[in-house]
Amino acid sequence: MYIIYHNPRCSKSRKTLAILNENNMDVKIIEYLKNPPSTKQLESISSMLKMGPLDFMRKNEPEFKELGLDRHVKAGWELCEIMSNNPKLIERPIVIKGDKAIIGRPPENVIKLF
C-alpha cells in the first residue's frame, strides 16, 4: 500500500497520483490540508525521507515568514509541530511505501518506490 499526502489543487501532486494509478498501485490518499499529519507522523516522515523537517517545508508560503521560520532556528520536533498546525507548509506530494518516502517533485520520483 502506498500513502500519498495529496493536494488535489497541485499539479505535481495530481501527476504523482496519476503515475501511481497508471501503475495499478494500491493507494491511500490523504488530503493533508484537510487531515494534517500529527507531529509524530511528521517526525516519522522526516526519518523516512532522510531529511530534516526544514528540508520539506514550503519556504515560499506566507506562513513561513509570518511564523519567523526564516529568522529563528527551531528543533526538529518544533518544526514538525508547526507543519502539523500549518499544513500549507508541508512540501507536496509526499509518497510513502513501507519505511521509505519520497517527495514527488518531479512526479517521476515516485517510481523510485516501485
Protein backbone atom coordinates (compact mmCIF):
# COMPACT_ATOMS: atom_id res chain seq x y z
CA MET A 1 0.00 0.00 0.00
CA TYR A 2 1.23 3.46 -0.94
CA ILE A 3 0.23 6.52 1.04
CA ILE A 4 0.16 9.90 -0.69
CA TYR A 5 -0.12 13.17 1.18
CA HIS A 6 -2.03 14.87 -1.58
CA ASN A 7 -3.26 18.32 -2.52
CA PRO A 8 -5.74 17.98 -5.41
CA ARG A 9 -5.11 21.61 -6.41
CA CYS A 10 -1.39 20.95 -7.01
CA SER A 11 -0.39 19.80 -10.50
CA LYS A 12 2.67 17.89 -9.19
CA SER A 13 0.50 16.09 -6.66
CA ARG A 14 -2.11 15.20 -9.30
CA LYS A 15 0.61 13.93 -11.68
CA THR A 16 2.25 11.84 -8.95
CA LEU A 17 -1.12 10.28 -8.09
CA ALA A 18 -1.72 9.62 -11.80
CA ILE A 19 1.60 7.73 -12.05
CA LEU A 20 0.61 5.57 -9.08
CA ASN A 21 -2.81 4.89 -10.59
CA GLU A 22 -1.39 4.19 -14.08
CA ASN A 23 0.81 1.53 -12.49
CA ASN A 24 -2.17 -0.02 -10.65
CA MET A 25 -0.72 0.69 -7.23
CA ASP A 26 -2.94 0.38 -4.16
CA VAL A 27 -3.05 3.97 -2.87
CA LYS A 28 -4.38 5.56 0.28
CA ILE A 29 -4.94 9.26 -0.39
CA ILE A 30 -4.62 11.69 2.50
CA GLU A 31 -5.66 15.23 1.70
CA TYR A 32 -3.23 16.70 4.19
CA LEU A 33 -4.75 20.19 4.15
CA LYS A 34 -8.00 18.68 5.49
CA ASN A 35 -6.34 15.98 7.64
CA PRO A 36 -2.85 17.15 8.58
CA PRO A 37 -0.35 14.61 9.87
CA SER A 38 0.49 14.78 13.56
CA THR A 39 3.82 15.98 14.90
CA LYS A 40 4.83 12.35 15.48
CA GLN A 41 3.80 11.36 11.93
CA LEU A 42 5.86 14.23 10.51
CA GLU A 43 8.86 13.19 12.59
CA SER A 44 8.49 9.68 11.13
CA ILE A 45 8.12 11.09 7.60
CA SER A 46 11.26 13.17 8.16
CA SER A 47 13.15 10.00 9.04
CA MET A 48 11.74 8.10 6.03
CA LEU A 49 12.66 10.97 3.70
CA LYS A 50 16.14 11.12 5.28
CA MET A 51 15.64 14.90 5.52
CA GLY A 52 15.32 17.35 8.33
CA PRO A 53 11.87 18.91 8.68
CA LEU A 54 13.08 22.25 7.32
CA ASP A 55 14.10 20.44 4.11
CA PHE A 56 10.49 19.53 3.28
CA MET A 57 8.89 22.82 4.24
CA ARG A 58 7.47 25.18 1.64
CA LYS A 59 9.60 28.24 2.28
CA ASN A 60 7.71 30.47 -0.17
CA GLU A 61 4.42 30.23 1.72
CA PRO A 62 3.50 33.45 3.57
CA GLU A 63 3.20 31.46 6.82
CA PHE A 64 6.90 30.63 6.66
CA LYS A 65 7.88 34.28 7.12
CA GLU A 66 4.89 35.14 9.31
CA LEU A 67 5.98 32.48 11.80
CA GLY A 68 9.56 33.75 11.73
CA LEU A 69 10.90 30.49 10.34
CA ASP A 70 13.26 32.45 8.11
CA ARG A 71 14.89 34.02 11.18
CA HIS A 72 14.80 31.54 14.04
CA VAL A 73 16.35 28.13 14.39
CA LYS A 74 13.89 25.55 15.72
CA ALA A 75 14.31 21.96 16.85
CA GLY A 76 13.05 19.25 14.51
CA TRP A 77 10.03 18.40 16.66
CA GLU A 78 9.10 22.10 16.82
CA LEU A 79 9.18 22.33 13.02
CA CYS A 80 7.04 19.20 12.76
CA GLU A 81 4.56 20.68 15.23
CA ILE A 82 4.46 23.91 13.21
CA MET A 83 3.83 21.96 9.99
CA SER A 84 1.10 19.91 11.66
CA ASN A 85 -0.61 23.14 12.74
CA ASN A 86 0.07 24.86 9.39
CA PRO A 87 -0.15 22.09 6.76
CA LYS A 88 0.29 24.54 3.87
CA LEU A 89 3.96 24.50 4.88
CA ILE A 90 4.34 20.79 4.04
CA GLU A 91 6.00 20.13 0.69
CA ARG A 92 3.83 18.10 -1.63
CA PRO A 93 3.24 15.45 -2.55
CA ILE A 94 4.85 13.05 -0.14
CA VAL A 95 4.51 9.36 -1.00
CA ILE A 96 5.24 6.59 1.49
CA LYS A 97 5.77 2.90 0.84
CA GLY A 98 6.70 0.86 3.88
CA ASP A 99 9.58 2.61 5.62
CA LYS A 100 10.57 4.75 2.63
CA ALA A 101 9.23 8.06 1.40
CA ILE A 102 9.86 10.48 -1.43
CA ILE A 103 8.69 13.92 -2.45
CA GLY A 104 7.01 13.86 -5.85
CA ARG A 105 8.98 16.75 -7.31
CA PRO A 106 9.32 15.86 -10.08
CA PRO A 107 6.36 13.46 -10.05
CA GLU A 108 8.52 10.72 -11.62
CA ASN A 109 10.40 10.45 -8.32
CA VAL A 110 7.61 8.15 -7.17
CA ILE A 111 8.97 5.44 -9.47
CA LYS A 112 11.90 5.05 -7.05
CA LEU A 113 9.45 3.42 -4.62
CA PHE A 114 8.27 0.76 -7.13
